[in-house]
Amino acid sequence: MTENDRQTDRRLERAILELLERRGPSATICPSDAARAVYEGDDDGWRALMEPARRAARRLVTAGEVEITQGGRPVSPADARGPIRIRRVG
């Protein structure tokens, strides 16, 4: 992993937490919201950040900051398949 990758990872983690902070306590975001917030272009290059954003969410789950949900219910990051949402732990 390069230093640039590590910086992107940290930016994605911060973006997830900042986006959730601006929303209600039980609101959720999509990993694409964080990818778009971090991507600096005007095209759809943010899509390349989707998996890094999902990994950032998994790290934040491990840190106890957020939970990953599917169908409105918390799921283990290891069990999540397909679209996910992220929300604050609470």
Protein backbone atom coordinates (compact mmCIF):
# COMPACT_ATOMS: atom_id res chain seq x y z
CA MET A 1 0.00 0.00 0.00
CA THR A 2 1.39 3.37 -1.00
CA GLU A 3 1.34 6.53 1.09
CA ASN A 4 -1.20 7.93 -1.38
CA ASP A 5 -3.45 4.90 -0.75
CA ARG A 6 -3.16 5.44 3.01
CA GLN A 7 -4.08 9.11 2.61
CA THR A 8 -7.10 8.18 0.50
CA ASP A 9 -8.15 5.63 3.12
CA ARG A 10 -7.97 8.26 5.88
CA ARG A 11 -9.89 10.76 3.73
CA LEU A 12 -12.63 8.19 3.10
CA GLU A 13 -12.91 7.41 6.82
CA ARG A 14 -13.17 11.13 7.63
CA ALA A 15 -15.72 11.65 4.85
CA ILE A 16 -17.91 8.85 6.20
CA LEU A 17 -17.85 10.29 9.72
CA GLU A 18 -18.39 13.87 8.53
CA LEU A 19 -21.31 12.93 6.26
CA LEU A 20 -22.97 11.04 9.11
CA GLU A 21 -22.36 13.91 11.53
CA ARG A 22 -24.37 16.22 9.25
CA ARG A 23 -27.36 13.90 9.26
CA GLY A 24 -29.79 12.74 11.89
CA PRO A 25 -28.74 10.18 14.51
CA SER A 26 -30.31 7.24 12.69
CA ALA A 27 -29.61 8.41 9.12
CA THR A 28 -27.54 6.30 6.77
CA ILE A 29 -25.21 7.01 3.88
CA CYS A 30 -24.09 4.95 0.94
CA PRO A 31 -20.37 4.28 0.44
CA SER A 32 -20.79 6.17 -2.86
CA ASP A 33 -21.51 9.35 -0.85
CA ALA A 34 -18.04 9.12 0.69
CA ALA A 35 -16.42 8.16 -2.62
CA ARG A 36 -17.99 11.20 -4.31
CA ALA A 37 -16.95 13.48 -1.44
CA VAL A 38 -13.31 12.39 -1.71
CA TYR A 39 -13.04 12.24 -5.52
CA GLU A 40 -11.69 15.47 -6.95
CA GLY A 41 -12.95 15.20 -10.55
CA ASP A 42 -16.20 16.01 -12.31
CA ASP A 43 -16.58 12.66 -14.05
CA ASP A 44 -17.52 9.24 -12.68
CA GLY A 45 -13.98 8.47 -11.48
CA TRP A 46 -15.42 8.26 -7.96
CA ARG A 47 -16.53 4.73 -8.86
CA ALA A 48 -12.92 3.56 -8.48
CA LEU A 49 -13.19 4.58 -4.81
CA MET A 50 -16.23 2.39 -4.08
CA GLU A 51 -14.33 -0.63 -2.79
CA PRO A 52 -11.89 1.56 -0.82
CA ALA A 53 -14.96 3.30 0.70
CA ARG A 54 -16.46 -0.06 1.66
CA ARG A 55 -13.12 -1.05 3.25
CA ALA A 56 -13.06 2.28 5.13
CA ALA A 57 -16.55 1.51 6.46
CA ARG A 58 -15.37 -1.94 7.62
CA ARG A 59 -12.44 -0.36 9.47
CA LEU A 60 -14.82 2.07 11.16
CA VAL A 61 -17.04 -0.85 12.18
CA THR A 62 -14.01 -2.50 13.78
CA ALA A 63 -13.27 0.78 15.58
CA GLY A 64 -16.84 0.89 16.92
CA GLU A 65 -17.67 4.14 15.09
CA VAL A 66 -20.30 2.93 12.60
CA GLU A 67 -22.34 -0.08 11.62
CA ILE A 68 -23.09 -1.50 8.21
CA THR A 69 -26.71 -2.20 7.41
CA GLN A 70 -28.66 -4.06 4.77
CA GLY A 71 -32.42 -3.90 4.67
CA GLY A 72 -32.29 -1.51 7.64
CA ARG A 73 -30.66 -4.11 9.90
CA PRO A 74 -27.04 -4.21 11.09
CA VAL A 75 -24.94 -6.88 9.42
CA SER A 76 -21.45 -8.13 10.00
CA PRO A 77 -19.05 -6.70 7.41
CA ALA A 78 -18.00 -10.27 6.66
CA ASP A 79 -21.61 -11.21 5.83
CA ALA A 80 -22.50 -8.11 3.79
CA ARG A 81 -23.12 -8.91 0.14
CA GLY A 82 -24.33 -6.37 -2.36
CA PRO A 83 -25.43 -2.81 -1.56
CA ILE A 84 -24.79 -1.59 1.97
CA ARG A 85 -25.60 1.49 4.01
CA ILE A 86 -23.54 2.99 6.81
CA ARG A 87 -24.84 4.60 9.98
CA ARG A 88 -23.53 5.75 13.32
CA VAL A 89 -23.53 3.29 16.15
CA GLY A 90 -26.29 4.14 18.52
